[in-house]
C-alpha atoms as a PDB file:
ATOM      1  CA  MET A   1       0.000   0.000   0.000  1.00  0.00           C
ATOM      2  CA  ARG A   2       1.279   3.488  -0.794  1.00  0.00           C
ATOM      3  CA  LEU A   3       0.696   7.164  -0.275  1.00  0.00           C
ATOM      4  CA  VAL A   4      -0.772   9.727  -2.642  1.00  0.00           C
ATOM      5  CA  ILE A   5       0.806  13.167  -2.366  1.00  0.00           C
ATOM      6  CA  SER A   6      -1.254  15.118  -4.833  1.00  0.00           C
ATOM      7  CA  THR A   7      -4.394  15.800  -2.781  1.00  0.00           C
ATOM      8  CA  VAL A   8      -5.085  17.964   0.224  1.00  0.00           C
ATOM      9  CA  PRO A   9      -7.218  15.293   2.005  1.00  0.00           C
ATOM     10  CA  TYR A  10      -4.327  12.813   1.832  1.00  0.00           C
ATOM     11  CA  LEU A  11      -1.852  15.344   3.176  1.00  0.00           C
ATOM     12  CA  LYS A  12      -4.097  16.065   6.141  1.00  0.00           C
ATOM     13  CA  THR A  13      -4.425  12.394   6.987  1.00  0.00           C
ATOM     14  CA  ALA A  14      -0.769  11.507   6.541  1.00  0.00           C
ATOM     15  CA  ILE A  15       0.677  14.487   8.378  1.00  0.00           C
ATOM     16  CA  THR A  16      -1.718  14.523  11.302  1.00  0.00           C
ATOM     17  CA  ARG A  17      -1.267  10.820  11.954  1.00  0.00           C
ATOM     18  CA  THR A  18       2.497  11.237  11.792  1.00  0.00           C
ATOM     19  CA  VAL A  19       2.035  13.898  14.467  1.00  0.00           C
ATOM     20  CA  ALA A  20       0.002  11.447  16.551  1.00  0.00           C
ATOM     21  CA  ALA A  21       2.698   8.792  16.419  1.00  0.00           C
ATOM     22  CA  SER A  22       5.555  11.205  16.992  1.00  0.00           C
ATOM     23  CA  PHE A  23       3.858  12.894  19.933  1.00  0.00           C
ATOM     24  CA  MET A  24       2.951   9.764  21.812  1.00  0.00           C
ATOM     25  CA  LEU A  25       6.362   8.219  21.277  1.00  0.00           C
ATOM     26  CA  LEU A  26       8.384  11.324  22.044  1.00  0.00           C
ATOM     27  CA  GLY A  27       6.273  11.974  25.105  1.00  0.00           C
ATOM     28  CA  ALA A  28       6.665   8.761  27.053  1.00  0.00           C
ATOM     29  CA  GLY A  29       3.780   6.737  25.982  1.00  0.00           C
ATOM     30  CA  LEU A  30       3.061   4.388  23.167  1.00  0.00           C
ATOM     31  CA  PRO A  31       1.570   5.327  19.823  1.00  0.00           C
ATOM     32  CA  LEU A  32      -1.931   5.692  18.519  1.00  0.00           C
ATOM     33  CA  ALA A  33      -2.881   4.684  14.978  1.00  0.00           C
ATOM     34  CA  VAL A  34      -0.487   6.354  12.544  1.00  0.00           C
ATOM     35  CA  THR A  35      -1.238   4.957   9.103  1.00  0.00           C
ATOM     36  CA  ALA A  36      -1.740   7.385   6.270  1.00  0.00           C
ATOM     37  CA  GLN A  37      -4.497   7.162   3.698  1.00  0.00           C
ATOM     38  CA  GLN A  38      -3.828   4.137   1.504  1.00  0.00           C
ATOM     39  CA  VAL A  39      -4.467   3.352  -2.137  1.00  0.00           C
ATOM     40  CA  ASP A  40      -3.939   0.393  -4.451  1.00  0.00           C
ATOM     41  CA  ASP A  41      -1.325  -2.185  -3.480  1.00  0.00           C
ATOM     42  CA  ASP A  42       0.165  -2.301  -6.981  1.00  0.00           C
ATOM     43  CA  SER A  43       1.491   1.255  -6.786  1.00  0.00           C
ATOM     44  CA  SER A  44       5.146   2.104  -6.189  1.00  0.00           C
ATOM     45  CA  GLU A  45       4.782   5.726  -5.111  1.00  0.00           C
ATOM     46  CA  SER A  46       5.987   6.911  -1.732  1.00  0.00           C
ATOM     47  CA  SER A  47       5.978  10.094   0.310  1.00  0.00           C
ATOM     48  CA  TRP A  48       7.927  11.609   3.127  1.00  0.00           C
ATOM     49  CA  GLY A  49       7.936  14.606   5.444  1.00  0.00           C
ATOM     50  CA  LEU A  50      10.360  16.495   7.640  1.00  0.00           C
ATOM     51  CA  GLY A  51       9.747  18.762  10.585  1.00  0.00           C
ATOM     52  CA  LEU A  52      10.690  20.002  14.034  1.00  0.00           C
ATOM     53  CA  ALA A  53       8.861  19.944  17.354  1.00  0.00           C
ATOM     54  CA  VAL A  54       9.207  21.374  20.835  1.00  0.00           C
ATOM     55  CA  VAL A  55       8.059  18.868  23.453  1.00  0.00           C
ATOM     56  CA  THR A  56       7.539  19.716  27.123  1.00  0.00           C
ATOM     57  CA  SER A  57       6.432  17.077  29.615  1.00  0.00           C
ATOM     58  CA  GLN A  58       5.871  16.841  33.348  1.00  0.00           C
ATOM     59  CA  LYS A  59       6.609  13.476  34.917  1.00  0.00           C
ATOM     60  CA  ALA A  60       5.160  12.345  38.231  1.00  0.00           C
ATOM     61  CA  TYR A  61       8.444  11.977  40.152  1.00  0.00           C
ATOM     62  CA  THR A  62       8.641  14.129  43.275  1.00  0.00           C
ATOM     63  CA  ASP A  63      10.039  17.639  42.642  1.00  0.00           C
ATOM     64  CA  ILE A  64      11.196  16.813  39.128  1.00  0.00           C
ATOM     65  CA  ASP A  65      11.404  19.740  36.689  1.00  0.00           C
ATOM     66  CA  ARG A  66       9.605  19.797  33.365  1.00  0.00           C
ATOM     67  CA  ASP A  67      11.472  17.993  30.626  1.00  0.00           C
ATOM     68  CA  ASN A  68      11.876  20.173  27.526  1.00  0.00           C
ATOM     69  CA  LYS A  69      13.193  18.880  24.215  1.00  0.00           C
ATOM     70  CA  VAL A  70      13.582  20.119  20.641  1.00  0.00           C
ATOM     71  CA  LEU A  71      13.322  17.098  18.372  1.00  0.00           C
ATOM     72  CA  PRO A  72      13.181  16.354  14.637  1.00  0.00           C
ATOM     73  CA  ILE A  73      10.175  14.667  13.041  1.00  0.00           C
ATOM     74  CA  LEU A  74      10.737  12.343  10.092  1.00  0.00           C
ATOM     75  CA  SER A  75       8.075  10.391   8.226  1.00  0.00           C
ATOM     76  CA  TYR A  76       8.201   8.089   5.222  1.00  0.00           C
ATOM     77  CA  GLU A  77       5.749   5.601   3.735  1.00  0.00           C
ATOM     78  CA  ASN A  78       5.467   3.287   0.770  1.00  0.00           C
ATOM     79  CA  ARG A  79       3.443   0.122   0.142  1.00  0.00           C
ATOM     80  CA  TYR A  80       5.693  -1.957   2.422  1.00  0.00           C
ATOM     81  CA  ILE A  81       6.821   0.187   5.361  1.00  0.00           C
ATOM     82  CA  ARG A  82       5.829   3.222   7.372  1.00  0.00           C
ATOM     83  CA  LEU A  83       8.254   5.378   9.369  1.00  0.00           C
ATOM     84  CA  ALA A  84       6.685   7.926  11.743  1.00  0.00           C
ATOM     85  CA  GLY A  85       9.018   9.536  14.257  1.00  0.00           C
ATOM     86  CA  PRO A  86      10.761   6.759  16.226  1.00  0.00           C
ATOM     87  CA  GLU A  87       8.389   4.028  14.995  1.00  0.00           C
ATOM     88  CA  LEU A  88       8.966   1.741  12.025  1.00  0.00           C
ATOM     89  CA  ALA A  89       6.115  -0.477  10.847  1.00  0.00           C
ATOM     90  CA  VAL A  90       6.214  -3.325   8.356  1.00  0.00           C
ATOM     91  CA  LYS A  91       2.770  -3.636   6.781  1.00  0.00           C
ATOM     92  CA  LEU A  92       0.913  -6.907   6.659  1.00  0.00           C
ATOM     93  CA  PRO A  93      -2.120  -7.784   4.499  1.00  0.00           C
ATOM     94  CA  GLY A  94      -5.289  -6.090   5.742  1.00  0.00           C
ATOM     95  CA  TYR A  95      -8.968  -5.957   4.889  1.00  0.00           C
ATOM     96  CA  GLN A  96     -10.899  -3.166   3.180  1.00  0.00           C
ATOM     97  CA  PHE A  97     -14.668  -3.414   3.470  1.00  0.00           C
ATOM     98  CA  SER A  98     -15.243   0.004   1.874  1.00  0.00           C
ATOM     99  CA  GLU A  99     -13.366   3.270   1.284  1.00  0.00           C
ATOM    100  CA  SER A 100     -14.142   4.387   4.841  1.00  0.00           C
ATOM    101  CA  ASN A 101     -14.000   1.010   6.574  1.00  0.00           C
ATOM    102  CA  LYS A 102     -10.739  -0.926   6.643  1.00  0.00           C
ATOM    103  CA  ILE A 103      -8.534  -2.944   9.004  1.00  0.00           C
ATOM    104  CA  ASN A 104      -4.739  -2.711   8.853  1.00  0.00           C
ATOM    105  CA  PHE A 105      -2.114  -4.943  10.486  1.00  0.00           C
ATOM    106  CA  SER A 106       1.598  -4.337  10.996  1.00  0.00           C
ATOM    107  CA  ILE A 107       4.709  -5.487  12.820  1.00  0.00           C
ATOM    108  CA  ILE A 108       6.232  -2.529  14.636  1.00  0.00           C
ATOM    109  CA  GLY A 109       9.530  -1.525  16.193  1.00  0.00           C
ATOM    110  CA  LYS A 110      10.139   1.719  18.066  1.00  0.00           C
ATOM    111  CA  TYR A 111      12.116   3.574  20.693  1.00  0.00           C
ATOM    112  CA  ASP A 112      10.413   4.682  23.909  1.00  0.00           C
ATOM    113  CA  PHE A 113      11.843   7.871  25.433  1.00  0.00           C
ATOM    114  CA  THR A 114      10.791   7.008  29.005  1.00  0.00           C
ATOM    115  CA  ASP A 115      13.903   7.356  31.183  1.00  0.00           C
ATOM    116  CA  TYR A 116      15.482   9.236  34.072  1.00  0.00           C
ATOM    117  CA  GLU A 117      18.877   9.961  35.590  1.00  0.00           C
ATOM    118  CA  GLN A 118      19.565  10.215  39.291  1.00  0.00           C
ATOM    119  CA  ASN A 119      20.314  13.933  39.067  1.00  0.00           C
ATOM    120  CA  ASP A 120      16.900  14.702  37.536  1.00  0.00           C
ATOM    121  CA  ALA A 121      15.288  15.133  40.972  1.00  0.00           C
ATOM    122  CA  PRO A 122      16.323  14.923  44.658  1.00  0.00           C
ATOM    123  CA  ILE A 123      14.161  11.824  45.195  1.00  0.00           C
ATOM    124  CA  LEU A 124      16.201  10.018  42.528  1.00  0.00           C
ATOM    125  CA  ASN A 125      19.610  10.707  44.099  1.00  0.00           C
ATOM    126  CA  GLY A 126      21.376   7.382  44.560  1.00  0.00           C
ATOM    127  CA  MET A 127      19.032   5.553  42.182  1.00  0.00           C
ATOM    128  CA  GLU A 128      20.462   3.702  39.216  1.00  0.00           C
ATOM    129  CA  ASP A 129      19.644   5.451  35.946  1.00  0.00           C
ATOM    130  CA  ARG A 130      16.695   4.060  34.011  1.00  0.00           C
ATOM    131  CA  ASP A 131      17.044   3.971  30.226  1.00  0.00           C
ATOM    132  CA  GLY A 132      14.515   4.244  27.443  1.00  0.00           C
ATOM    133  CA  GLY A 133      13.939   1.032  25.557  1.00  0.00           C
ATOM    134  CA  PHE A 134      13.546  -0.509  22.116  1.00  0.00           C
ATOM    135  CA  TRP A 135      10.158  -2.120  21.668  1.00  0.00           C
ATOM    136  CA  ALA A 136       8.762  -4.572  19.124  1.00  0.00           C
ATOM    137  CA  GLY A 137       5.315  -6.019  18.626  1.00  0.00           C
ATOM    138  CA  PHE A 138       2.125  -6.216  16.612  1.00  0.00           C
ATOM    139  CA  LYS A 139      -0.546  -3.600  15.867  1.00  0.00           C
ATOM    140  CA  ALA A 140      -4.068  -3.762  14.461  1.00  0.00           C
ATOM    141  CA  GLU A 141      -5.918  -0.622  13.320  1.00  0.00           C
ATOM    142  CA  TRP A 142      -9.559  -0.259  12.361  1.00  0.00           C
ATOM    143  CA  GLN A 143     -10.399   2.865  10.369  1.00  0.00           C
ATOM    144  CA  ASN A 144     -14.094   3.559   9.968  1.00  0.00           C
ATOM    145  CA  SER A 145     -16.465   6.485   9.483  1.00  0.00           C
ATOM    146  CA  LEU A 146     -16.939   6.994  13.227  1.00  0.00           C
ATOM    147  CA  ALA A 147     -13.402   6.747  14.635  1.00  0.00           C
ATOM    148  CA  ASP A 148      -9.932   5.278  14.251  1.00  0.00           C
ATOM    149  CA  ILE A 149      -9.401   2.416  16.704  1.00  0.00           C
ATOM    150  CA  SER A 150      -6.069   0.731  17.381  1.00  0.00           C
ATOM    151  CA  ALA A 151      -4.776  -2.080  19.563  1.00  0.00           C
ATOM    152  CA  GLU A 152      -1.173  -3.148  19.978  1.00  0.00           C
ATOM    153  CA  TYR A 153       0.976  -5.452  22.033  1.00  0.00           C
ATOM    154  CA  VAL A 154       4.662  -4.558  22.412  1.00  0.00           C
ATOM    155  CA  THR A 155       7.556  -5.815  24.490  1.00  0.00           C
ATOM    156  CA  GLU A 156      10.924  -4.250  25.345  1.00  0.00           C
ATOM    157  CA  VAL A 157      13.664  -6.136  23.499  1.00  0.00           C
ATOM    158  CA  ALA A 158      16.906  -4.348  24.431  1.00  0.00           C
ATOM    159  CA  GLY A 159      17.136  -5.821  27.927  1.00  0.00           C
ATOM    160  CA  ASP A 160      16.395  -2.630  29.875  1.00  0.00           C
ATOM    161  CA  SER A 161      12.957  -2.849  31.472  1.00  0.00           C
ATOM    162  CA  GLU A 162      12.115  -6.151  29.688  1.00  0.00           C
ATOM    163  CA  GLY A 163       8.503  -5.091  30.186  1.00  0.00           C
ATOM    164  CA  SER A 164       5.495  -5.339  27.924  1.00  0.00           C
ATOM    165  CA  ALA A 165       2.382  -3.269  27.286  1.00  0.00           C
ATOM    166  CA  PHE A 166      -1.023  -3.567  25.665  1.00  0.00           C
ATOM    167  CA  ASN A 167      -2.480  -0.309  24.347  1.00  0.00           C
ATOM    168  CA  PHE A 168      -6.019   0.363  23.157  1.00  0.00           C
ATOM    169  CA  ALA A 169      -6.793   3.774  21.641  1.00  0.00           C
ATOM    170  CA  VAL A 170      -9.702   5.602  20.027  1.00  0.00           C
ATOM    171  CA  GLU A 171      -9.514   8.916  18.193  1.00  0.00           C
ATOM    172  CA  ARG A 172     -11.615  10.901  15.748  1.00  0.00           C
ATOM    173  CA  THR A 173     -10.626  13.767  13.456  1.00  0.00           C
ATOM    174  CA  TRP A 174     -12.811  16.648  12.320  1.00  0.00           C
ATOM    175  CA  HIS A 175     -11.750  18.936   9.445  1.00  0.00           C
ATOM    176  CA  PHE A 176     -12.912  22.538   9.107  1.00  0.00           C
ATOM    177  CA  LYS A 177     -12.699  24.661   5.928  1.00  0.00           C
ATOM    178  CA  GLN A 178     -10.169  22.224   4.395  1.00  0.00           C
ATOM    179  CA  GLN A 179      -7.384  23.739   6.506  1.00  0.00           C
ATOM    180  CA  PHE A 180      -8.096  23.215  10.195  1.00  0.00           C
ATOM    181  CA  MET A 181      -8.341  19.892  12.001  1.00  0.00           C
ATOM    182  CA  PHE A 182      -9.168  18.775  15.529  1.00  0.00           C
ATOM    183  CA  THR A 183      -8.590  15.272  16.949  1.00  0.00           C
ATOM    184  CA  PRO A 184      -9.547  14.202  20.467  1.00  0.00           C
ATOM    185  CA  ARG A 185      -8.334  10.811  21.693  1.00  0.00           C
ATOM    186  CA  VAL A 186      -8.428   8.370  24.587  1.00  0.00           C
ATOM    187  CA  MET A 187      -5.859   5.640  25.209  1.00  0.00           C
ATOM    188  CA  VAL A 188      -5.833   2.883  27.824  1.00  0.00           C
ATOM    189  CA  SER A 189      -2.439   1.290  28.529  1.00  0.00           C
ATOM    190  CA  LEU A 190      -1.959  -1.958  30.447  1.00  0.00           C
ATOM    191  CA  LEU A 191       1.649  -2.033  31.672  1.00  0.00           C
ATOM    192  CA  ASP A 192       3.084  -5.237  33.091  1.00  0.00           C
ATOM    193  CA  LYS A 193       4.866  -5.403  36.446  1.00  0.00           C
ATOM    194  CA  LYS A 194       8.364  -5.469  34.910  1.00  0.00           C
ATOM    195  CA  TYR A 195       7.747  -2.100  33.232  1.00  0.00           C
ATOM    196  CA  VAL A 196       6.232  -0.519  36.358  1.00  0.00           C
ATOM    197  CA  ASP A 197       8.944  -1.932  38.625  1.00  0.00           C
ATOM    198  CA  TYR A 198      11.745  -0.709  36.350  1.00  0.00           C
ATOM    199  CA  TYR A 199      10.594   2.922  36.208  1.00  0.00           C
ATOM    200  CA  TYR A 200       8.797   3.304  39.550  1.00  0.00           C
ATOM    201  CA  GLY A 201      10.236   0.591  41.773  1.00  0.00           C
ATOM    202  CA  VAL A 202      12.956   1.027  44.429  1.00  0.00           C
ATOM    203  CA  ARG A 203      15.500  -1.787  44.637  1.00  0.00           C
ATOM    204  CA  ALA A 204      17.024  -3.028  47.879  1.00  0.00           C
ATOM    205  CA  ASN A 205      20.328  -1.270  47.171  1.00  0.00           C
ATOM    206  CA  GLU A 206      18.469   2.019  46.499  1.00  0.00           C
ATOM    207  CA  VAL A 207      16.608   2.209  49.837  1.00  0.00           C
ATOM    208  CA  THR A 208      17.258   5.251  52.049  1.00  0.00           C
ATOM    209  CA  ALA A 209      15.589   6.756  55.106  1.00  0.00           C
ATOM    210  CA  ASP A 210      13.346   8.806  52.784  1.00  0.00           C
ATOM    211  CA  ARG A 211      12.889   6.161  50.094  1.00  0.00           C
ATOM    212  CA  ALA A 212      11.388   2.815  51.042  1.00  0.00           C
ATOM    213  CA  TYR A 213      11.712  -0.417  49.105  1.00  0.00           C
ATOM    214  CA  TYR A 214       9.002  -0.708  46.466  1.00  0.00           C
ATOM    215  CA  GLN A 215       8.252  -3.401  43.921  1.00  0.00           C
ATOM    216  CA  GLY A 216       5.975  -2.384  41.088  1.00  0.00           C
ATOM    217  CA  GLU A 217       2.952  -4.349  39.925  1.00  0.00           C
ATOM    218  CA  SER A 218       1.019  -4.318  36.660  1.00  0.00           C
ATOM    219  CA  ALA A 219      -0.960  -1.113  36.135  1.00  0.00           C
ATOM    220  CA  VAL A 220      -3.542   0.525  33.875  1.00  0.00           C
ATOM    221  CA  ASN A 221      -3.019   4.165  32.824  1.00  0.00           C
ATOM    222  CA  ILE A 222      -5.596   6.279  30.994  1.00  0.00           C
ATOM    223  CA  GLU A 223      -4.562   9.115  28.686  1.00  0.00           C
ATOM    224  CA  VAL A 224      -6.868  11.826  27.361  1.00  0.00           C
ATOM    225  CA  GLY A 225      -5.570  14.220  24.731  1.00  0.00           C
ATOM    226  CA  ALA A 226      -6.372  16.458  21.795  1.00  0.00           C
ATOM    227  CA  ARG A 227      -4.534  17.653  18.720  1.00  0.00           C
ATOM    228  CA  GLY A 228      -5.209  20.715  16.613  1.00  0.00           C
ATOM    229  CA  GLY A 229      -3.548  21.680  13.365  1.00  0.00           C
ATOM    230  CA  TYR A 230      -3.537  24.110  10.457  1.00  0.00           C
ATOM    231  CA  MET A 231      -2.413  23.335   6.909  1.00  0.00           C
ATOM    232  CA  PHE A 232      -1.396  26.012   4.419  1.00  0.00           C
ATOM    233  CA  LYS A 233      -0.197  25.906   0.823  1.00  0.00           C
ATOM    234  CA  GLN A 234      -0.922  22.135   0.791  1.00  0.00           C
ATOM    235  CA  LYS A 235       2.522  21.195   2.131  1.00  0.00           C
ATOM    236  CA  HIS A 236       2.983  23.077   5.407  1.00  0.00           C
ATOM    237  CA  PHE A 237       1.396  21.911   8.656  1.00  0.00           C
ATOM    238  CA  VAL A 238       1.629  23.448  12.133  1.00  0.00           C
ATOM    239  CA  PHE A 239       0.103  21.687  15.116  1.00  0.00           C
ATOM    240  CA  LEU A 240      -0.402  21.689  18.869  1.00  0.00           C
ATOM    241  CA  ASP A 241      -0.936  18.478  20.825  1.00  0.00           C
ATOM    242  CA  VAL A 242      -1.752  18.255  24.560  1.00  0.00           C
ATOM    243  CA  SER A 243      -2.492  15.299  26.826  1.00  0.00           C
ATOM    244  CA  VAL A 244      -2.963  14.309  30.450  1.00  0.00           C
ATOM    245  CA  THR A 245      -2.365  10.788  31.764  1.00  0.00           C
ATOM    246  CA  SER A 246      -4.094   9.497  34.875  1.00  0.00           C
ATOM    247  CA  LEU A 247      -1.702   7.136  36.634  1.00  0.00           C
ATOM    248  CA  ALA A 248      -2.710   3.830  38.159  1.00  0.00           C
ATOM    249  CA  SER A 249      -2.539   3.360  41.930  1.00  0.00           C
ATOM    250  CA  GLU A 250       0.369   0.924  41.446  1.00  0.00           C
ATOM    251  CA  ILE A 251       2.384   3.894  40.147  1.00  0.00           C
ATOM    252  CA  LYS A 252       0.993   6.552  42.494  1.00  0.00           C
ATOM    253  CA  ASP A 253       1.938   4.369  45.500  1.00  0.00           C
ATOM    254  CA  SER A 254       5.612   4.444  44.541  1.00  0.00           C
ATOM    255  CA  PRO A 255       7.806   6.419  47.009  1.00  0.00           C
ATOM    256  CA  LEU A 256       9.307   8.140  43.957  1.00  0.00           C
ATOM    257  CA  VAL A 257       5.990   9.716  42.929  1.00  0.00           C
ATOM    258  CA  ASP A 258       3.975  12.628  44.352  1.00  0.00           C
ATOM    259  CA  SER A 259       1.467  13.228  41.551  1.00  0.00           C
ATOM    260  CA  SER A 260      -1.490  11.283  40.218  1.00  0.00           C
ATOM    261  CA  THR A 261      -1.087  12.599  36.658  1.00  0.00           C
ATOM    262  CA  GLU A 262       1.476  13.389  33.997  1.00  0.00           C
ATOM    263  CA  ASN A 263       1.053  15.878  31.160  1.00  0.00           C
ATOM    264  CA  ARG A 264       2.666  16.636  27.825  1.00  0.00           C
ATOM    265  CA  LEU A 265       2.544  19.389  25.224  1.00  0.00           C
ATOM    266  CA  MET A 266       3.982  19.396  21.723  1.00  0.00           C
ATOM    267  CA  LEU A 267       4.202  22.293  19.271  1.00  0.00           C
ATOM    268  CA  GLY A 268       5.622  21.618  15.846  1.00  0.00           C
ATOM    269  CA  TYR A 269       5.837  22.031  12.099  1.00  0.00           C
ATOM    270  CA  ILE A 270       6.003  19.474   9.260  1.00  0.00           C
ATOM    271  CA  TYR A 271       6.782  19.998   5.580  1.00  0.00           C
ATOM    272  CA  SER A 272       5.459  17.298   3.228  1.00  0.00           C
ATOM    273  CA  PHE A 273       7.534  16.533   0.115  1.00  0.00           C
END
């Protein structure tokens, strides 16, 4: 399956879903559906985009400062693969019931930017650094006239957290005057105990008078977010994406945490070639 780059509707779909993937990966979560509009499998055309984003996020660790990053955004898609930010997907055969009702499958690999260093906050002093991880798994996406629905299972394969996650997400996009778009979303993430323990647990050698031993358990987080964007001259797209994540009690009970939520904001620009 390939991309068409000659129409405004395609550009809106491709760019805004690249934004969705890039935001949720760069933030600390896992991605929503990111496929672009697809056409016949026998085509060899492809498309790509390049941009820049400012991402600011507030983690739940006690007294930690906001994390601010300036990051590139790169997207590419042809009939076989899709690259959106730090996620690479290999497309598998899907099913198309109609132009507005289709199911897509893919094998995915990506990098998760969740991490911390012991000097990021006083509560983390003496903790071993936690690294982001490389994840691999399977994704199914159902695009229909009411909403885009996605489900994925991924596991960390680089030997850092060695955790796994199941993510279920729903989003819908409205377009206004062929230039403006608005996309609210909800995502539920089931994180296994290895993931929670790696990022929110306290090991025996990390215990202090102010930081008790804690072993994480599996948890369910709920994220609510919205994305707005404006396209001009058919190739330029500016966007703003905000989200708030409600943390599970298994994370809020960690001695490293003093907040029940995390939030992220992303402001960026993409040029489509």
